[in-house]
Amino acid sequence: MKMKPRRLLFALLAAIMLMAAGVWLLVPRPAQVETLVVEARPAVRVLAVNGRIRPRLEVDVRPSLGGTLVALPFDIGDRVAEGQIIARVDDAPEAAAIAEAKAAVEAQEAVLAQARRDLARYEALGEFVTRRDVEQRRLAVQEGARELKRRQASRTQAQELRERRVLRAPFSGVILERPVDPGQTVGLDSVIYRLADLSDPEVSVEVDEIYAVEIRPGTQAIVSLPGRPRPVEAVVAHIEPRVDPATGARDVRLRLREALREAPSGLTVTANLVIERRERAISVPRSAIVETGNSARIRLVTDDGSVAERQIGFIDWPAETVIVTHGLTPGDRILVDPDAAAPGDEVRWDG
């Protein structure tokens, strides 16, 4: 039985469509890739590190003499002024010594006064007394005066010891810690208060020794604080001359360019240290670089739409974007993801 012409036509069309679909599926097509056209523009090399707010001044207040704390009027968060009495240690031994020394001074003052009266009386007698008698009275005055000075010195020493029982604030600041309580017996190593000057805080950061060599006093920085919408400018004020053997890092202190009166001591912050500024530089995402051993390459699209690989040099820096020193020129189109296509592949891209 013969097939009707119309059915034959439909069968031919279906066969042609199937063949076309097979060709479309089997013939390789250029891969769609995301590319980036490199440009020379201003670039900044930044080192981002975490740090903490630290007081400009911080000291542990310890007693000069051990004993029982009889007065501890301040607590954590209280503000004190320089020279203000912030604690007292029981001074009963010194008080007794002062009373005894005061009585000794008064007694000697009476002895010296009598010796001076005797000397005056003998000098007034003139030829009716011997020269030896006058010299003895004069010697008694001299010895009495020396003994009075000695007893006065003992009294002063007892007063100074009593004053050492009084603890005064070495500078104006805020009490950060008070690890003791009134009535507690303390020694020379006991910390009574931890006092800090928070009026002009600094930022302390730890920088790996590999990157610390690029930091200098005066290096600019930007500090971001939690809850503060605007970052604060800072400058490197000090670089610790030694490397911590436990962490392999150096301590770097930043001085803020504006006062932070509400930033608590110990607050964690983010600091971006501006290591280098360039007026014109080519920067690429680190993820676009293929690294093998000591070799760094980048994959780019040539004029004919194929992928090629080129060796480059770049500043190895802990950042998402790095500065390329050689191997690329402005206008080169690179693959953002080097795994998206291999060298020699035909590719297509948007834009």
C-alpha atoms as a PDB file:
ATOM      1  CA  MET A   1       0.000   0.000   0.000  1.00  0.00           C
ATOM      2  CA  LYS A   2       1.499   3.311  -1.006  1.00  0.00           C
ATOM      3  CA  MET A   3       1.921   6.228   1.506  1.00  0.00           C
ATOM      4  CA  LYS A   4      -0.078   9.276   0.671  1.00  0.00           C
ATOM      5  CA  PRO A   5       1.955  12.329  -0.471  1.00  0.00           C
ATOM      6  CA  ARG A   6       0.874  14.464   2.522  1.00  0.00           C
ATOM      7  CA  ARG A   7       1.943  11.848   5.024  1.00  0.00           C
ATOM      8  CA  LEU A   8       5.211  11.425   3.190  1.00  0.00           C
ATOM      9  CA  LEU A   9       5.850  15.167   3.440  1.00  0.00           C
ATOM     10  CA  PHE A  10       5.208  15.182   7.184  1.00  0.00           C
ATOM     11  CA  ALA A  11       7.556  12.252   7.654  1.00  0.00           C
ATOM     12  CA  LEU A  12      10.322  13.998   5.721  1.00  0.00           C
ATOM     13  CA  LEU A  13       9.889  17.168   7.769  1.00  0.00           C
ATOM     14  CA  ALA A  14      10.030  15.228  11.033  1.00  0.00           C
ATOM     15  CA  ALA A  15      13.196  13.471   9.905  1.00  0.00           C
ATOM     16  CA  ILE A  16      14.805  16.778   8.966  1.00  0.00           C
ATOM     17  CA  MET A  17      13.905  18.282  12.372  1.00  0.00           C
ATOM     18  CA  LEU A  18      15.359  15.273  14.167  1.00  0.00           C
ATOM     19  CA  MET A  19      18.565  15.534  12.169  1.00  0.00           C
ATOM     20  CA  ALA A  20      18.806  19.274  12.914  1.00  0.00           C
ATOM     21  CA  ALA A  21      18.273  18.657  16.602  1.00  0.00           C
ATOM     22  CA  GLY A  22      20.969  16.012  16.603  1.00  0.00           C
ATOM     23  CA  VAL A  23      23.403  18.305  14.870  1.00  0.00           C
ATOM     24  CA  TRP A  24      22.585  21.120  17.367  1.00  0.00           C
ATOM     25  CA  LEU A  25      23.207  18.784  20.261  1.00  0.00           C
ATOM     26  CA  LEU A  26      26.331  17.143  18.923  1.00  0.00           C
ATOM     27  CA  VAL A  27      28.177  20.082  17.405  1.00  0.00           C
ATOM     28  CA  PRO A  28      30.255  21.852  20.156  1.00  0.00           C
ATOM     29  CA  ARG A  29      29.325  25.461  20.874  1.00  0.00           C
ATOM     30  CA  PRO A  30      31.447  28.203  22.488  1.00  0.00           C
ATOM     31  CA  ALA A  31      31.032  28.285  26.283  1.00  0.00           C
ATOM     32  CA  GLN A  32      29.440  31.306  27.909  1.00  0.00           C
ATOM     33  CA  VAL A  33      31.939  32.891  30.334  1.00  0.00           C
ATOM     34  CA  GLU A  34      32.109  35.907  32.592  1.00  0.00           C
ATOM     35  CA  THR A  35      34.934  38.252  31.686  1.00  0.00           C
ATOM     36  CA  LEU A  36      36.524  41.408  32.982  1.00  0.00           C
ATOM     37  CA  VAL A  37      38.277  44.090  30.935  1.00  0.00           C
ATOM     38  CA  VAL A  38      41.234  45.303  32.957  1.00  0.00           C
ATOM     39  CA  GLU A  39      41.866  49.009  33.367  1.00  0.00           C
ATOM     40  CA  ALA A  40      44.594  51.146  34.856  1.00  0.00           C
ATOM     41  CA  ARG A  41      43.095  53.183  37.648  1.00  0.00           C
ATOM     42  CA  PRO A  42      44.005  54.410  41.145  1.00  0.00           C
ATOM     43  CA  ALA A  43      44.593  51.517  43.546  1.00  0.00           C
ATOM     44  CA  VAL A  44      45.106  51.185  47.265  1.00  0.00           C
ATOM     45  CA  ARG A  45      46.830  48.268  48.949  1.00  0.00           C
ATOM     46  CA  VAL A  46      45.181  47.738  52.314  1.00  0.00           C
ATOM     47  CA  LEU A  47      45.880  45.360  55.187  1.00  0.00           C
ATOM     48  CA  ALA A  48      42.723  44.513  57.132  1.00  0.00           C
ATOM     49  CA  VAL A  49      43.264  43.342  60.716  1.00  0.00           C
ATOM     50  CA  ASN A  50      41.217  43.114  63.876  1.00  0.00           C
ATOM     51  CA  GLY A  51      42.240  45.049  66.951  1.00  0.00           C
ATOM     52  CA  ARG A  52      41.010  46.291  70.297  1.00  0.00           C
ATOM     53  CA  ILE A  53      40.506  49.662  71.903  1.00  0.00           C
ATOM     54  CA  ARG A  54      43.123  50.195  74.591  1.00  0.00           C
ATOM     55  CA  PRO A  55      43.577  53.089  77.014  1.00  0.00           C
ATOM     56  CA  ARG A  56      46.370  55.555  76.431  1.00  0.00           C
ATOM     57  CA  LEU A  57      47.327  55.040  80.080  1.00  0.00           C
ATOM     58  CA  GLU A  58      46.517  52.009  82.211  1.00  0.00           C
ATOM     59  CA  VAL A  59      47.987  51.058  85.561  1.00  0.00           C
ATOM     60  CA  ASP A  60      47.445  48.547  88.353  1.00  0.00           C
ATOM     61  CA  VAL A  61      47.233  50.428  91.653  1.00  0.00           C
ATOM     62  CA  ARG A  62      48.997  48.450  94.408  1.00  0.00           C
ATOM     63  CA  PRO A  63      49.644  49.351  98.061  1.00  0.00           C
ATOM     64  CA  SER A  64      53.076  50.433  99.239  1.00  0.00           C
ATOM     65  CA  LEU A  65      52.537  48.636 102.557  1.00  0.00           C
ATOM     66  CA  GLY A  66      50.474  45.561 103.342  1.00  0.00           C
ATOM     67  CA  GLY A  67      47.573  45.510 105.760  1.00  0.00           C
ATOM     68  CA  THR A  68      43.799  45.590 106.034  1.00  0.00           C
ATOM     69  CA  LEU A  69      41.762  47.731 103.652  1.00  0.00           C
ATOM     70  CA  VAL A  70      39.709  50.105 105.761  1.00  0.00           C
ATOM     71  CA  ALA A  71      38.437  52.354 102.949  1.00  0.00           C
ATOM     72  CA  LEU A  72      37.639  51.463  99.329  1.00  0.00           C
ATOM     73  CA  PRO A  73      35.179  54.154  98.186  1.00  0.00           C
ATOM     74  CA  PHE A  74      35.184  53.529  94.411  1.00  0.00           C
ATOM     75  CA  ASP A  75      33.892  50.759  92.192  1.00  0.00           C
ATOM     76  CA  ILE A  76      34.093  49.694  88.533  1.00  0.00           C
ATOM     77  CA  GLY A  77      33.111  52.506  86.170  1.00  0.00           C
ATOM     78  CA  ASP A  78      33.692  55.328  88.666  1.00  0.00           C
ATOM     79  CA  ARG A  79      35.755  58.304  87.561  1.00  0.00           C
ATOM     80  CA  VAL A  80      38.523  59.644  89.780  1.00  0.00           C
ATOM     81  CA  ALA A  81      40.709  62.732  89.609  1.00  0.00           C
ATOM     82  CA  GLU A  82      44.490  62.825  89.776  1.00  0.00           C
ATOM     83  CA  GLY A  83      45.664  62.883  93.406  1.00  0.00           C
ATOM     84  CA  GLN A  84      42.273  61.851  94.793  1.00  0.00           C
ATOM     85  CA  ILE A  85      42.313  59.371  97.701  1.00  0.00           C
ATOM     86  CA  ILE A  86      40.967  56.079  96.341  1.00  0.00           C
ATOM     87  CA  ALA A  87      41.815  53.649  99.180  1.00  0.00           C
ATOM     88  CA  ARG A  88      43.213  53.445 102.693  1.00  0.00           C
ATOM     89  CA  VAL A  89      45.090  50.638 104.422  1.00  0.00           C
ATOM     90  CA  ASP A  90      44.868  50.326 108.209  1.00  0.00           C
ATOM     91  CA  ASP A  91      47.481  52.715 109.633  1.00  0.00           C
ATOM     92  CA  ALA A  92      47.205  51.849 113.350  1.00  0.00           C
ATOM     93  CA  PRO A  93      50.925  50.929 113.677  1.00  0.00           C
ATOM     94  CA  GLU A  94      51.972  54.202 112.066  1.00  0.00           C
ATOM     95  CA  ALA A  95      49.464  56.196 114.156  1.00  0.00           C
ATOM     96  CA  ALA A  96      50.971  54.751 117.357  1.00  0.00           C
ATOM     97  CA  ALA A  97      54.486  55.458 116.096  1.00  0.00           C
ATOM     98  CA  ILE A  98      53.536  59.043 115.265  1.00  0.00           C
ATOM     99  CA  ALA A  99      52.049  59.601 118.741  1.00  0.00           C
ATOM    100  CA  GLU A 100      55.174  58.181 120.366  1.00  0.00           C
ATOM    101  CA  ALA A 101      57.457  60.264 118.161  1.00  0.00           C
ATOM    102  CA  LYS A 102      55.404  63.397 118.828  1.00  0.00           C
ATOM    103  CA  ALA A 103      55.700  62.881 122.607  1.00  0.00           C
ATOM    104  CA  ALA A 104      59.456  62.305 122.261  1.00  0.00           C
ATOM    105  CA  VAL A 105      59.824  65.522 120.262  1.00  0.00           C
ATOM    106  CA  GLU A 106      57.854  67.527 122.828  1.00  0.00           C
ATOM    107  CA  ALA A 107      59.957  66.095 125.664  1.00  0.00           C
ATOM    108  CA  GLN A 108      63.186  66.917 123.893  1.00  0.00           C
ATOM    109  CA  GLU A 109      61.958  70.415 123.085  1.00  0.00           C
ATOM    110  CA  ALA A 110      61.517  70.932 126.838  1.00  0.00           C
ATOM    111  CA  VAL A 111      65.022  69.553 127.545  1.00  0.00           C
ATOM    112  CA  LEU A 112      66.534  71.827 124.882  1.00  0.00           C
ATOM    113  CA  ALA A 113      64.686  74.866 126.197  1.00  0.00           C
ATOM    114  CA  GLN A 114      66.039  74.202 129.708  1.00  0.00           C
ATOM    115  CA  ALA A 115      69.570  73.752 128.339  1.00  0.00           C
ATOM    116  CA  ARG A 116      69.342  77.092 126.559  1.00  0.00           C
ATOM    117  CA  ARG A 117      68.125  78.812 129.723  1.00  0.00           C
ATOM    118  CA  ASP A 118      71.033  77.318 131.700  1.00  0.00           C
ATOM    119  CA  LEU A 119      73.497  78.486 129.060  1.00  0.00           C
ATOM    120  CA  ALA A 120      72.060  81.991 129.113  1.00  0.00           C
ATOM    121  CA  ARG A 121      72.202  82.113 132.896  1.00  0.00           C
ATOM    122  CA  TYR A 122      75.851  80.947 133.030  1.00  0.00           C
ATOM    123  CA  GLU A 123      76.860  83.390 130.313  1.00  0.00           C
ATOM    124  CA  ALA A 124      75.203  86.179 132.312  1.00  0.00           C
ATOM    125  CA  LEU A 125      77.239  85.334 135.415  1.00  0.00           C
ATOM    126  CA  GLY A 126      80.406  86.243 133.569  1.00  0.00           C
ATOM    127  CA  GLU A 127      83.508  86.100 135.774  1.00  0.00           C
ATOM    128  CA  PHE A 128      81.645  84.351 138.570  1.00  0.00           C
ATOM    129  CA  VAL A 129      81.663  81.017 136.683  1.00  0.00           C
ATOM    130  CA  THR A 130      84.446  79.130 135.032  1.00  0.00           C
ATOM    131  CA  ARG A 131      84.862  78.900 131.291  1.00  0.00           C
ATOM    132  CA  ARG A 132      84.531  75.163 131.558  1.00  0.00           C
ATOM    133  CA  ASP A 133      81.068  75.467 133.103  1.00  0.00           C
ATOM    134  CA  VAL A 134      79.929  77.713 130.223  1.00  0.00           C
ATOM    135  CA  GLU A 135      81.307  75.299 127.596  1.00  0.00           C
ATOM    136  CA  GLN A 136      79.516  72.383 129.238  1.00  0.00           C
ATOM    137  CA  ARG A 137      76.212  74.268 129.062  1.00  0.00           C
ATOM    138  CA  ARG A 138      76.882  75.195 125.427  1.00  0.00           C
ATOM    139  CA  LEU A 139      77.667  71.551 124.612  1.00  0.00           C
ATOM    140  CA  ALA A 140      74.422  70.503 126.331  1.00  0.00           C
ATOM    141  CA  VAL A 141      72.496  72.874 124.018  1.00  0.00           C
ATOM    142  CA  GLN A 142      74.235  71.487 120.923  1.00  0.00           C
ATOM    143  CA  GLU A 143      73.573  67.885 121.937  1.00  0.00           C
ATOM    144  CA  GLY A 144      69.973  68.738 122.810  1.00  0.00           C
ATOM    145  CA  ALA A 145      69.467  70.343 119.388  1.00  0.00           C
ATOM    146  CA  ARG A 146      70.921  67.283 117.629  1.00  0.00           C
ATOM    147  CA  GLU A 147      68.677  64.940 119.621  1.00  0.00           C
ATOM    148  CA  LEU A 148      65.643  67.106 118.786  1.00  0.00           C
ATOM    149  CA  LYS A 149      66.406  66.853 115.059  1.00  0.00           C
ATOM    150  CA  ARG A 150      66.763  63.090 115.334  1.00  0.00           C
ATOM    151  CA  ARG A 151      63.392  62.767 117.081  1.00  0.00           C
ATOM    152  CA  GLN A 152      61.780  65.137 114.579  1.00  0.00           C
ATOM    153  CA  ALA A 153      63.148  62.966 111.768  1.00  0.00           C
ATOM    154  CA  SER A 154      61.643  59.873 113.430  1.00  0.00           C
ATOM    155  CA  ARG A 155      58.298  61.652 113.631  1.00  0.00           C
ATOM    156  CA  THR A 156      58.517  62.655 109.956  1.00  0.00           C
ATOM    157  CA  GLN A 157      59.393  59.101 108.979  1.00  0.00           C
ATOM    158  CA  ALA A 158      56.382  57.768 110.881  1.00  0.00           C
ATOM    159  CA  GLN A 159      54.161  60.343 109.153  1.00  0.00           C
ATOM    160  CA  GLU A 160      55.528  59.365 105.750  1.00  0.00           C
ATOM    161  CA  LEU A 161      54.884  55.702 106.485  1.00  0.00           C
ATOM    162  CA  ARG A 162      51.324  56.611 107.458  1.00  0.00           C
ATOM    163  CA  GLU A 163      50.904  58.530 104.194  1.00  0.00           C
ATOM    164  CA  ARG A 164      51.994  55.417 102.292  1.00  0.00           C
ATOM    165  CA  ARG A 165      48.906  53.710 103.695  1.00  0.00           C
ATOM    166  CA  VAL A 166      46.857  56.153 101.622  1.00  0.00           C
ATOM    167  CA  LEU A 167      46.436  55.301  97.923  1.00  0.00           C
ATOM    168  CA  ARG A 168      45.913  58.208  95.530  1.00  0.00           C
ATOM    169  CA  ALA A 169      45.000  58.182  91.846  1.00  0.00           C
ATOM    170  CA  PRO A 170      48.191  58.653  89.764  1.00  0.00           C
ATOM    171  CA  PHE A 171      46.130  60.308  87.005  1.00  0.00           C
ATOM    172  CA  SER A 172      42.525  61.109  86.173  1.00  0.00           C
ATOM    173  CA  GLY A 173      40.683  58.136  84.772  1.00  0.00           C
ATOM    174  CA  VAL A 174      38.070  55.402  85.111  1.00  0.00           C
ATOM    175  CA  ILE A 175      38.145  52.356  87.376  1.00  0.00           C
ATOM    176  CA  LEU A 176      38.198  49.283  85.100  1.00  0.00           C
ATOM    177  CA  GLU A 177      38.604  46.621  87.791  1.00  0.00           C
ATOM    178  CA  ARG A 178      38.434  46.354  91.570  1.00  0.00           C
ATOM    179  CA  PRO A 179      39.461  42.794  92.494  1.00  0.00           C
ATOM    180  CA  VAL A 180      39.416  43.350  96.296  1.00  0.00           C
ATOM    181  CA  ASP A 181      36.836  44.292  98.926  1.00  0.00           C
ATOM    182  CA  PRO A 182      36.918  46.446 102.075  1.00  0.00           C
ATOM    183  CA  GLY A 183      38.236  44.568 105.103  1.00  0.00           C
ATOM    184  CA  GLN A 184      40.430  42.319 102.987  1.00  0.00           C
ATOM    185  CA  THR A 185      44.078  41.885 103.927  1.00  0.00           C
ATOM    186  CA  VAL A 186      46.320  42.887 101.029  1.00  0.00           C
ATOM    187  CA  GLY A 187      50.031  42.633 100.300  1.00  0.00           C
ATOM    188  CA  LEU A 188      52.474  44.452  98.087  1.00  0.00           C
ATOM    189  CA  ASP A 189      51.443  42.355  95.061  1.00  0.00           C
ATOM    190  CA  SER A 190      47.713  42.863  95.541  1.00  0.00           C
ATOM    191  CA  VAL A 191      45.919  44.868  92.836  1.00  0.00           C
ATOM    192  CA  ILE A 192      43.521  47.312  94.456  1.00  0.00           C
ATOM    193  CA  TYR A 193      42.268  48.971  91.268  1.00  0.00           C
ATOM    194  CA  ARG A 194      42.972  48.844  87.553  1.00  0.00           C
ATOM    195  CA  LEU A 195      42.811  52.490  86.493  1.00  0.00           C
ATOM    196  CA  ALA A 196      42.716  53.718  82.881  1.00  0.00           C
ATOM    197  CA  ASP A 197      42.640  57.039  81.082  1.00  0.00           C
ATOM    198  CA  LEU A 198      39.958  56.607  78.407  1.00  0.00           C
ATOM    199  CA  SER A 199      39.952  60.213  77.230  1.00  0.00           C
ATOM    200  CA  ASP A 200      42.287  59.523  74.297  1.00  0.00           C
ATOM    201  CA  PRO A 201      42.287  55.763  73.590  1.00  0.00           C
ATOM    202  CA  GLU A 202      44.453  53.909  71.103  1.00  0.00           C
ATOM    203  CA  VAL A 203      43.875  50.815  68.970  1.00  0.00           C
ATOM    204  CA  SER A 204      46.140  47.825  69.420  1.00  0.00           C
ATOM    205  CA  VAL A 205      46.428  45.343  66.534  1.00  0.00           C
ATOM    206  CA  GLU A 206      48.611  42.298  65.922  1.00  0.00           C
ATOM    207  CA  VAL A 207      50.213  42.121  62.474  1.00  0.00           C
ATOM    208  CA  ASP A 208      51.883  39.005  61.097  1.00  0.00           C
ATOM    209  CA  GLU A 209      55.642  39.451  60.884  1.00  0.00           C
ATOM    210  CA  ILE A 210      55.492  38.890  57.099  1.00  0.00           C
ATOM    211  CA  TYR A 211      53.352  41.983  56.564  1.00  0.00           C
ATOM    212  CA  ALA A 212      54.582  44.083  59.496  1.00  0.00           C
ATOM    213  CA  VAL A 213      57.805  44.927  57.621  1.00  0.00           C
ATOM    214  CA  GLU A 214      55.737  47.167  55.301  1.00  0.00           C
ATOM    215  CA  ILE A 215      54.294  49.242  58.146  1.00  0.00           C
ATOM    216  CA  ARG A 216      55.963  52.442  59.299  1.00  0.00           C
ATOM    217  CA  PRO A 217      55.140  55.028  61.975  1.00  0.00           C
ATOM    218  CA  GLY A 218      52.793  57.479  60.303  1.00  0.00           C
ATOM    219  CA  THR A 219      51.087  54.850  58.127  1.00  0.00           C
ATOM    220  CA  GLN A 220      47.466  55.878  57.630  1.00  0.00           C
ATOM    221  CA  ALA A 221      44.594  53.662  58.764  1.00  0.00           C
ATOM    222  CA  ILE A 222      40.809  53.585  58.857  1.00  0.00           C
ATOM    223  CA  VAL A 223      39.170  52.121  61.965  1.00  0.00           C
ATOM    224  CA  SER A 224      35.585  50.824  61.993  1.00  0.00           C
ATOM    225  CA  LEU A 225      33.813  50.464  65.340  1.00  0.00           C
ATOM    226  CA  PRO A 226      30.671  48.410  66.020  1.00  0.00           C
ATOM    227  CA  GLY A 227      27.569  50.585  66.157  1.00  0.00           C
ATOM    228  CA  ARG A 228      29.335  53.626  64.732  1.00  0.00           C
ATOM    229  CA  PRO A 229      28.163  54.506  61.203  1.00  0.00           C
ATOM    230  CA  ARG A 230      31.253  56.483  60.281  1.00  0.00           C
ATOM    231  CA  PRO A 231      34.811  55.080  60.431  1.00  0.00           C
ATOM    232  CA  VAL A 232      37.559  56.967  62.242  1.00  0.00           C
ATOM    233  CA  GLU A 233      40.887  57.994  60.752  1.00  0.00           C
ATOM    234  CA  ALA A 234      44.014  56.850  62.568  1.00  0.00           C
ATOM    235  CA  VAL A 235      47.776  56.754  62.186  1.00  0.00           C
ATOM    236  CA  VAL A 236      50.393  54.213  63.262  1.00  0.00           C
ATOM    237  CA  ALA A 237      52.041  55.572  66.408  1.00  0.00           C
ATOM    238  CA  HIS A 238      54.175  52.630  67.531  1.00  0.00           C
ATOM    239  CA  ILE A 239      55.436  49.304  66.193  1.00  0.00           C
ATOM    240  CA  GLU A 240      56.685  46.773  68.717  1.00  0.00           C
ATOM    241  CA  PRO A 241      60.371  46.113  67.922  1.00  0.00           C
ATOM    242  CA  ARG A 242      60.116  42.409  68.713  1.00  0.00           C
ATOM    243  CA  VAL A 243      58.079  39.523  67.309  1.00  0.00           C
ATOM    244  CA  ASP A 244      55.967  37.518  69.729  1.00  0.00           C
ATOM    245  CA  PRO A 245      57.414  33.986  69.437  1.00  0.00           C
ATOM    246  CA  ALA A 246      54.064  32.449  70.374  1.00  0.00           C
ATOM    247  CA  THR A 247      52.025  34.163  67.640  1.00  0.00           C
ATOM    248  CA  GLY A 248      54.643  35.270  65.112  1.00  0.00           C
ATOM    249  CA  ALA A 249      53.124  38.748  65.166  1.00  0.00           C
ATOM    250  CA  ARG A 250      54.166  42.266  66.127  1.00  0.00           C
ATOM    251  CA  ASP A 251      52.019  44.613  68.155  1.00  0.00           C
ATOM    252  CA  VAL A 252      51.092  47.834  66.347  1.00  0.00           C
ATOM    253  CA  ARG A 253      49.397  50.761  68.085  1.00  0.00           C
ATOM    254  CA  LEU A 254      47.230  53.252  66.237  1.00  0.00           C
ATOM    255  CA  ARG A 255      46.490  56.776  67.431  1.00  0.00           C
ATOM    256  CA  LEU A 256      42.979  57.929  66.580  1.00  0.00           C
ATOM    257  CA  ARG A 257      42.596  61.358  65.012  1.00  0.00           C
ATOM    258  CA  GLU A 258      39.477  62.124  67.046  1.00  0.00           C
ATOM    259  CA  ALA A 259      38.575  61.472  70.651  1.00  0.00           C
ATOM    260  CA  LEU A 260      36.279  58.519  71.382  1.00  0.00           C
ATOM    261  CA  ARG A 261      34.653  59.083  74.733  1.00  0.00           C
ATOM    262  CA  GLU A 262      32.093  56.302  74.400  1.00  0.00           C
ATOM    263  CA  ALA A 263      34.325  53.457  73.211  1.00  0.00           C
ATOM    264  CA  PRO A 264      34.838  50.920  76.015  1.00  0.00           C
ATOM    265  CA  SER A 265      38.283  49.519  76.663  1.00  0.00           C
ATOM    266  CA  GLY A 266      38.738  46.127  74.994  1.00  0.00           C
ATOM    267  CA  LEU A 267      36.167  46.766  72.237  1.00  0.00           C
ATOM    268  CA  THR A 268      36.943  44.761  69.084  1.00  0.00           C
ATOM    269  CA  VAL A 269      37.385  46.924  65.978  1.00  0.00           C
ATOM    270  CA  THR A 270      38.457  46.494  62.360  1.00  0.00           C
ATOM    271  CA  ALA A 271      41.473  48.461  61.157  1.00  0.00           C
ATOM    272  CA  ASN A 272      42.402  48.919  57.497  1.00  0.00           C
ATOM    273  CA  LEU A 273      46.038  49.956  57.223  1.00  0.00           C
ATOM    274  CA  VAL A 274      46.810  51.808  53.998  1.00  0.00           C
ATOM    275  CA  ILE A 275      50.101  50.231  52.962  1.00  0.00           C
ATOM    276  CA  GLU A 276      50.405  51.770  49.484  1.00  0.00           C
ATOM    277  CA  ARG A 277      48.577  54.112  47.112  1.00  0.00           C
ATOM    278  CA  ARG A 278      49.121  54.034  43.326  1.00  0.00           C
ATOM    279  CA  GLU A 279      47.804  56.567  40.837  1.00  0.00           C
ATOM    280  CA  ARG A 280      47.644  53.962  38.051  1.00  0.00           C
ATOM    281  CA  ALA A 281      47.611  50.223  38.569  1.00  0.00           C
ATOM    282  CA  ILE A 282      45.947  47.120  37.191  1.00  0.00           C
ATOM    283  CA  SER A 283      44.026  45.226  39.841  1.00  0.00           C
ATOM    284  CA  VAL A 284      42.357  41.845  39.361  1.00  0.00           C
ATOM    285  CA  PRO A 285      40.436  39.482  41.626  1.00  0.00           C
ATOM    286  CA  ARG A 286      42.728  37.009  43.330  1.00  0.00           C
ATOM    287  CA  SER A 287      40.286  34.262  42.321  1.00  0.00           C
ATOM    288  CA  ALA A 288      41.095  34.959  38.633  1.00  0.00           C
ATOM    289  CA  ILE A 289      44.737  33.915  39.108  1.00  0.00           C
ATOM    290  CA  VAL A 290      45.935  30.355  38.517  1.00  0.00           C
ATOM    291  CA  GLU A 291      48.874  29.614  40.829  1.00  0.00           C
ATOM    292  CA  THR A 292      51.129  26.601  40.418  1.00  0.00           C
ATOM    293  CA  GLY A 293      54.244  26.525  42.546  1.00  0.00           C
ATOM    294  CA  ASN A 294      56.086  29.807  41.950  1.00  0.00           C
ATOM    295  CA  SER A 295      54.188  30.496  38.727  1.00  0.00           C
ATOM    296  CA  ALA A 296      51.109  32.723  38.450  1.00  0.00           C
ATOM    297  CA  ARG A 297      49.042  32.799  35.268  1.00  0.00           C
ATOM    298  CA  ILE A 298      45.823  34.335  34.127  1.00  0.00           C
ATOM    299  CA  ARG A 299      43.427  33.206  31.394  1.00  0.00           C
ATOM    300  CA  LEU A 300      42.258  35.796  28.906  1.00  0.00           C
ATOM    301  CA  VAL A 301      40.180  35.943  25.750  1.00  0.00           C
ATOM    302  CA  THR A 302      42.061  36.686  22.539  1.00  0.00           C
ATOM    303  CA  ASP A 303      40.751  38.712  19.612  1.00  0.00           C
ATOM    304  CA  ASP A 304      39.525  35.546  17.828  1.00  0.00           C
ATOM    305  CA  GLY A 305      37.420  34.506  20.858  1.00  0.00           C
ATOM    306  CA  SER A 306      39.675  31.724  22.104  1.00  0.00           C
ATOM    307  CA  VAL A 307      41.164  31.353  25.572  1.00  0.00           C
ATOM    308  CA  ALA A 308      44.899  31.851  26.103  1.00  0.00           C
ATOM    309  CA  GLU A 309      47.050  31.724  29.219  1.00  0.00           C
ATOM    310  CA  ARG A 310      49.615  34.327  30.184  1.00  0.00           C
ATOM    311  CA  GLN A 311      52.127  34.465  33.021  1.00  0.00           C
ATOM    312  CA  ILE A 312      51.835  37.476  35.311  1.00  0.00           C
ATOM    313  CA  GLY A 313      53.450  38.971  38.394  1.00  0.00           C
ATOM    314  CA  PHE A 314      51.448  40.398  41.261  1.00  0.00           C
ATOM    315  CA  ILE A 315      51.898  41.664  44.801  1.00  0.00           C
ATOM    316  CA  ASP A 316      50.964  38.739  47.020  1.00  0.00           C
ATOM    317  CA  TRP A 317      48.814  40.421  49.621  1.00  0.00           C
ATOM    318  CA  PRO A 318      45.984  39.119  51.849  1.00  0.00           C
ATOM    319  CA  ALA A 319      43.139  40.783  49.934  1.00  0.00           C
ATOM    320  CA  GLU A 320      40.411  39.779  47.493  1.00  0.00           C
ATOM    321  CA  THR A 321      41.871  42.114  44.857  1.00  0.00           C
ATOM    322  CA  VAL A 322      45.602  42.223  44.105  1.00  0.00           C
ATOM    323  CA  ILE A 323      47.809  44.561  42.076  1.00  0.00           C
ATOM    324  CA  VAL A 324      49.366  43.066  38.910  1.00  0.00           C
ATOM    325  CA  THR A 325      52.929  44.264  38.353  1.00  0.00           C
ATOM    326  CA  HIS A 326      53.491  42.794  34.878  1.00  0.00           C
ATOM    327  CA  GLY A 327      51.851  40.550  32.270  1.00  0.00           C
ATOM    328  CA  LEU A 328      48.654  42.502  31.647  1.00  0.00           C
ATOM    329  CA  THR A 329      47.883  45.716  29.780  1.00  0.00           C
ATOM    330  CA  PRO A 330      44.790  47.889  29.895  1.00  0.00           C
ATOM    331  CA  GLY A 331      42.097  46.492  27.601  1.00  0.00           C
ATOM    332  CA  ASP A 332      42.929  42.808  28.137  1.00  0.00           C
ATOM    333  CA  ARG A 333      39.812  40.722  28.708  1.00  0.00           C
ATOM    334  CA  ILE A 334      40.339  38.087  31.405  1.00  0.00           C
ATOM    335  CA  LEU A 335      38.235  35.235  32.707  1.00  0.00           C
ATOM    336  CA  VAL A 336      36.794  35.977  36.115  1.00  0.00           C
ATOM    337  CA  ASP A 337      36.652  32.230  36.791  1.00  0.00           C
ATOM    338  CA  PRO A 338      39.703  30.538  35.214  1.00  0.00           C
ATOM    339  CA  ASP A 339      38.023  27.128  35.587  1.00  0.00           C
ATOM    340  CA  ALA A 340      35.220  28.189  33.250  1.00  0.00           C
ATOM    341  CA  ALA A 341      37.324  27.460  30.132  1.00  0.00           C
ATOM    342  CA  ALA A 342      40.667  25.894  29.253  1.00  0.00           C
ATOM    343  CA  PRO A 343      43.369  27.356  26.985  1.00  0.00           C
ATOM    344  CA  GLY A 344      42.323  26.935  23.351  1.00  0.00           C
ATOM    345  CA  ASP A 345      38.572  26.801  24.060  1.00  0.00           C
ATOM    346  CA  GLU A 346      36.241  28.994  22.027  1.00  0.00           C
ATOM    347  CA  VAL A 347      34.150  31.184  24.326  1.00  0.00           C
ATOM    348  CA  ARG A 348      31.501  33.844  24.173  1.00  0.00           C
ATOM    349  CA  TRP A 349      30.674  36.536  26.667  1.00  0.00           C
ATOM    350  CA  ASP A 350      28.239  39.311  27.335  1.00  0.00           C
ATOM    351  CA  GLY A 351      29.235  42.915  26.690  1.00  0.00           C
END
